[in-house]
Amino acid sequence: MAIQPIGPNQINPAPATGGVEKTDASFEKTLKESIQQVNDAQLQADQAISDLTTGKQQDLHQTMIAIEKASLSFELMMQVRNKILSAYEEISRMQI
């Protein structure tokens, strides 16, 4: 399962009052779900490789597609992580 793109209609703005905790929980939930999707893609790729090597599956193309999906999902996750760390570092350097 690959990470699904988020459209503009799927983004829920935080409420005006008391929204900090809900927004944090929402961000955390979204991040955990995305990591779980990357993990699922990795597991599917591993299963596809196992099925190909044991002869359960004969289609090399499907196996390669599963491997590439897992690879791209992981690369995207790493880029998101890098952007989050970069934003955190920039915020921590700000003077109050």
N, C-alpha and C. Protein backbone atom coordinates (compact mmCIF):
# COMPACT_ATOMS: atom_id res chain seq x y z
N MET A 1 0.84 -1.17 0.00
CA MET A 1 0.00 0.00 0.00
C MET A 1 0.89 1.23 0.00
N ALA A 2 0.74 2.09 -0.97
CA ALA A 2 1.57 3.27 -1.09
C ALA A 2 0.93 4.44 -0.34
N ILE A 3 1.73 5.44 -0.10
CA ILE A 3 1.23 6.64 0.56
C ILE A 3 0.31 7.35 -0.42
N GLN A 4 -0.89 7.67 0.04
CA GLN A 4 -1.87 8.32 -0.80
C GLN A 4 -1.68 9.83 -0.73
N PRO A 5 -1.77 10.52 -1.86
CA PRO A 5 -1.64 11.99 -1.83
C PRO A 5 -2.84 12.61 -1.13
N ILE A 6 -2.61 13.73 -0.50
CA ILE A 6 -3.67 14.43 0.20
C ILE A 6 -4.12 15.58 -0.67
N GLY A 7 -5.40 15.62 -0.98
CA GLY A 7 -5.97 16.69 -1.77
C GLY A 7 -6.37 17.85 -0.89
N PRO A 8 -6.66 19.00 -1.48
CA PRO A 8 -7.01 20.17 -0.68
C PRO A 8 -8.30 19.98 0.10
N ASN A 9 -9.19 19.12 -0.35
CA ASN A 9 -10.45 18.89 0.36
C ASN A 9 -10.29 17.95 1.53
N GLN A 10 -9.15 17.30 1.68
CA GLN A 10 -8.93 16.35 2.75
C GLN A 10 -8.20 16.94 3.94
N ILE A 11 -7.76 18.16 3.83
CA ILE A 11 -7.03 18.79 4.92
C ILE A 11 -8.04 19.44 5.86
N ASN A 12 -7.97 19.06 7.14
CA ASN A 12 -8.89 19.60 8.13
C ASN A 12 -8.20 20.70 8.91
N PRO A 13 -8.68 21.95 8.80
CA PRO A 13 -8.05 23.03 9.57
C PRO A 13 -8.33 22.86 11.05
N ALA A 14 -7.39 23.36 11.86
CA ALA A 14 -7.54 23.28 13.31
C ALA A 14 -8.62 24.25 13.77
N PRO A 15 -9.40 23.89 14.79
CA PRO A 15 -10.39 24.81 15.32
C PRO A 15 -9.72 26.03 15.93
N ALA A 16 -10.45 27.13 16.03
CA ALA A 16 -9.90 28.38 16.52
C ALA A 16 -9.53 28.33 18.00
N THR A 17 -10.27 27.57 18.81
CA THR A 17 -9.98 27.50 20.24
C THR A 17 -9.60 26.09 20.63
N GLY A 18 -8.54 25.97 21.37
CA GLY A 18 -8.11 24.66 21.87
C GLY A 18 -7.66 23.71 20.78
N GLY A 19 -7.23 24.21 19.67
CA GLY A 19 -6.88 23.36 18.55
C GLY A 19 -5.46 22.84 18.57
N VAL A 20 -4.64 23.29 19.48
CA VAL A 20 -3.24 22.89 19.48
C VAL A 20 -3.11 21.40 19.76
N GLU A 21 -3.78 20.92 20.77
CA GLU A 21 -3.68 19.50 21.12
C GLU A 21 -4.27 18.63 20.03
N LYS A 22 -5.40 19.03 19.47
CA LYS A 22 -6.02 18.24 18.42
C LYS A 22 -5.15 18.23 17.16
N THR A 23 -4.54 19.35 16.83
CA THR A 23 -3.67 19.42 15.67
C THR A 23 -2.44 18.55 15.87
N ASP A 24 -1.85 18.60 17.07
CA ASP A 24 -0.70 17.75 17.35
C ASP A 24 -1.06 16.29 17.22
N ALA A 25 -2.20 15.91 17.77
CA ALA A 25 -2.64 14.52 17.70
C ALA A 25 -2.92 14.13 16.26
N SER A 26 -3.49 15.04 15.50
CA SER A 26 -3.79 14.76 14.10
C SER A 26 -2.50 14.59 13.30
N PHE A 27 -1.53 15.46 13.54
CA PHE A 27 -0.25 15.35 12.85
C PHE A 27 0.44 14.04 13.23
N GLU A 28 0.41 13.73 14.51
CA GLU A 28 1.02 12.48 14.97
C GLU A 28 0.33 11.28 14.34
N LYS A 29 -0.99 11.31 14.29
CA LYS A 29 -1.75 10.20 13.70
C LYS A 29 -1.41 10.06 12.22
N THR A 30 -1.37 11.18 11.50
CA THR A 30 -1.04 11.16 10.08
C THR A 30 0.36 10.62 9.84
N LEU A 31 1.30 11.04 10.68
CA LEU A 31 2.68 10.58 10.56
C LEU A 31 2.78 9.08 10.81
N LYS A 32 2.11 8.61 11.86
CA LYS A 32 2.12 7.17 12.17
C LYS A 32 1.48 6.35 11.06
N GLU A 33 0.37 6.84 10.51
CA GLU A 33 -0.28 6.12 9.41
C GLU A 33 0.62 6.05 8.18
N SER A 34 1.31 7.14 7.90
CA SER A 34 2.21 7.16 6.75
C SER A 34 3.37 6.19 6.93
N ILE A 35 3.93 6.16 8.14
CA ILE A 35 5.01 5.22 8.42
C ILE A 35 4.52 3.79 8.32
N GLN A 36 3.29 3.55 8.78
CA GLN A 36 2.71 2.20 8.69
C GLN A 36 2.52 1.80 7.23
N GLN A 37 2.11 2.75 6.39
CA GLN A 37 1.94 2.45 4.97
C GLN A 37 3.28 2.12 4.30
N VAL A 38 4.33 2.81 4.69
CA VAL A 38 5.66 2.52 4.16
C VAL A 38 6.10 1.12 4.61
N ASN A 39 5.85 0.81 5.87
CA ASN A 39 6.19 -0.51 6.39
C ASN A 39 5.40 -1.60 5.65
N ASP A 40 4.11 -1.35 5.40
CA ASP A 40 3.31 -2.32 4.66
C ASP A 40 3.85 -2.55 3.26
N ALA A 41 4.28 -1.47 2.61
CA ALA A 41 4.86 -1.60 1.27
C ALA A 41 6.14 -2.44 1.31
N GLN A 42 6.96 -2.23 2.35
CA GLN A 42 8.19 -3.02 2.51
C GLN A 42 7.85 -4.50 2.72
N LEU A 43 6.84 -4.76 3.54
CA LEU A 43 6.45 -6.15 3.79
C LEU A 43 5.87 -6.81 2.54
N GLN A 44 5.10 -6.05 1.77
CA GLN A 44 4.56 -6.59 0.53
C GLN A 44 5.68 -6.90 -0.47
N ALA A 45 6.68 -6.06 -0.52
CA ALA A 45 7.81 -6.30 -1.42
C ALA A 45 8.58 -7.55 -0.97
N ASP A 46 8.79 -7.69 0.34
CA ASP A 46 9.46 -8.88 0.86
C ASP A 46 8.67 -10.14 0.53
N GLN A 47 7.34 -10.06 0.68
CA GLN A 47 6.49 -11.21 0.37
C GLN A 47 6.54 -11.53 -1.12
N ALA A 48 6.55 -10.51 -1.96
CA ALA A 48 6.62 -10.72 -3.41
C ALA A 48 7.93 -11.39 -3.79
N ILE A 49 9.02 -10.98 -3.15
CA ILE A 49 10.32 -11.61 -3.41
C ILE A 49 10.30 -13.07 -2.97
N SER A 50 9.75 -13.32 -1.79
CA SER A 50 9.66 -14.71 -1.29
C SER A 50 8.81 -15.57 -2.21
N ASP A 51 7.68 -15.01 -2.67
CA ASP A 51 6.80 -15.77 -3.57
C ASP A 51 7.49 -16.07 -4.89
N LEU A 52 8.28 -15.14 -5.38
CA LEU A 52 8.98 -15.35 -6.64
C LEU A 52 10.07 -16.41 -6.49
N THR A 53 10.80 -16.35 -5.39
CA THR A 53 11.90 -17.31 -5.21
C THR A 53 11.40 -18.72 -4.90
N THR A 54 10.23 -18.83 -4.27
CA THR A 54 9.70 -20.16 -3.97
C THR A 54 8.84 -20.72 -5.09
N GLY A 55 8.54 -19.90 -6.10
CA GLY A 55 7.77 -20.37 -7.24
C GLY A 55 6.28 -20.18 -7.09
N LYS A 56 5.83 -19.55 -6.01
CA LYS A 56 4.40 -19.29 -5.85
C LYS A 56 3.90 -18.28 -6.88
N GLN A 57 4.79 -17.39 -7.29
CA GLN A 57 4.44 -16.37 -8.28
C GLN A 57 5.47 -16.44 -9.39
N GLN A 58 4.99 -16.35 -10.61
CA GLN A 58 5.88 -16.42 -11.77
C GLN A 58 6.10 -15.06 -12.42
N ASP A 59 5.35 -14.05 -11.98
CA ASP A 59 5.39 -12.75 -12.64
C ASP A 59 6.48 -11.87 -12.04
N LEU A 60 7.58 -11.76 -12.75
CA LEU A 60 8.71 -10.94 -12.30
C LEU A 60 8.34 -9.46 -12.29
N HIS A 61 7.49 -9.04 -13.23
CA HIS A 61 7.11 -7.63 -13.33
C HIS A 61 6.37 -7.16 -12.07
N GLN A 62 5.45 -7.97 -11.57
CA GLN A 62 4.71 -7.60 -10.36
C GLN A 62 5.64 -7.51 -9.15
N THR A 63 6.61 -8.40 -9.12
CA THR A 63 7.58 -8.37 -8.03
C THR A 63 8.42 -7.09 -8.10
N MET A 64 8.87 -6.74 -9.27
CA MET A 64 9.65 -5.53 -9.44
C MET A 64 8.84 -4.27 -9.13
N ILE A 65 7.57 -4.28 -9.49
CA ILE A 65 6.70 -3.15 -9.18
C ILE A 65 6.55 -3.00 -7.67
N ALA A 66 6.36 -4.11 -6.97
CA ALA A 66 6.23 -4.06 -5.50
C ALA A 66 7.51 -3.55 -4.86
N ILE A 67 8.65 -3.98 -5.37
CA ILE A 67 9.94 -3.52 -4.83
C ILE A 67 10.12 -2.03 -5.08
N GLU A 68 9.77 -1.57 -6.28
CA GLU A 68 9.93 -0.15 -6.61
C GLU A 68 8.97 0.72 -5.80
N LYS A 69 7.74 0.24 -5.57
CA LYS A 69 6.80 0.98 -4.73
C LYS A 69 7.35 1.14 -3.32
N ALA A 70 7.90 0.06 -2.79
CA ALA A 70 8.47 0.10 -1.45
C ALA A 70 9.66 1.07 -1.40
N SER A 71 10.48 1.03 -2.42
CA SER A 71 11.64 1.90 -2.47
C SER A 71 11.23 3.37 -2.55
N LEU A 72 10.29 3.68 -3.42
CA LEU A 72 9.84 5.07 -3.56
C LEU A 72 9.14 5.56 -2.30
N SER A 73 8.36 4.70 -1.67
CA SER A 73 7.69 5.07 -0.41
C SER A 73 8.71 5.40 0.66
N PHE A 74 9.77 4.59 0.73
CA PHE A 74 10.81 4.83 1.72
C PHE A 74 11.55 6.13 1.43
N GLU A 75 11.87 6.36 0.17
CA GLU A 75 12.56 7.60 -0.21
C GLU A 75 11.71 8.82 0.15
N LEU A 76 10.41 8.75 -0.12
CA LEU A 76 9.52 9.86 0.21
C LEU A 76 9.48 10.07 1.72
N MET A 77 9.41 9.00 2.49
CA MET A 77 9.39 9.12 3.94
C MET A 77 10.67 9.78 4.44
N MET A 78 11.81 9.42 3.87
CA MET A 78 13.07 10.02 4.28
C MET A 78 13.12 11.51 3.94
N GLN A 79 12.59 11.89 2.80
CA GLN A 79 12.57 13.30 2.43
C GLN A 79 11.66 14.11 3.35
N VAL A 80 10.52 13.53 3.71
CA VAL A 80 9.61 14.19 4.66
C VAL A 80 10.30 14.34 6.01
N ARG A 81 10.99 13.29 6.45
CA ARG A 81 11.73 13.36 7.71
C ARG A 81 12.78 14.47 7.67
N ASN A 82 13.50 14.55 6.56
CA ASN A 82 14.53 15.59 6.42
C ASN A 82 13.91 16.99 6.48
N LYS A 83 12.77 17.16 5.85
CA LYS A 83 12.10 18.47 5.88
C LYS A 83 11.62 18.80 7.28
N ILE A 84 11.10 17.83 8.00
CA ILE A 84 10.64 18.05 9.38
C ILE A 84 11.82 18.43 10.27
N LEU A 85 12.93 17.72 10.14
CA LEU A 85 14.11 18.04 10.94
C LEU A 85 14.66 19.42 10.59
N SER A 86 14.64 19.75 9.33
CA SER A 86 15.11 21.06 8.90
C SER A 86 14.23 22.17 9.48
N ALA A 87 12.93 21.96 9.45
CA ALA A 87 12.01 22.96 10.02
C ALA A 87 12.21 23.08 11.52
N TYR A 88 12.42 21.96 12.21
CA TYR A 88 12.65 21.99 13.65
C TYR A 88 13.94 22.76 13.97
N GLU A 89 14.99 22.49 13.22
CA GLU A 89 16.26 23.19 13.45
C GLU A 89 16.12 24.69 13.20
N GLU A 90 15.37 25.05 12.16
CA GLU A 90 15.17 26.47 11.87
C GLU A 90 14.37 27.15 12.98
N ILE A 91 13.34 26.48 13.46
CA ILE A 91 12.54 27.03 14.56
C ILE A 91 13.35 27.16 15.82
N SER A 92 14.21 26.18 16.10
CA SER A 92 15.03 26.23 17.32
C SER A 92 16.07 27.35 17.27
N ARG A 93 16.43 27.79 16.07
CA ARG A 93 17.40 28.89 15.95
C ARG A 93 16.73 30.26 16.04
N MET A 94 15.42 30.30 15.96
CA MET A 94 14.72 31.59 16.02
C MET A 94 14.86 32.21 17.41
N GLN A 95 15.01 33.50 17.41
CA GLN A 95 15.08 34.21 18.70
C GLN A 95 13.71 34.73 19.06
N ILE A 96 13.42 34.59 20.32
CA ILE A 96 12.09 35.01 20.80
C ILE A 96 12.16 36.38 21.42
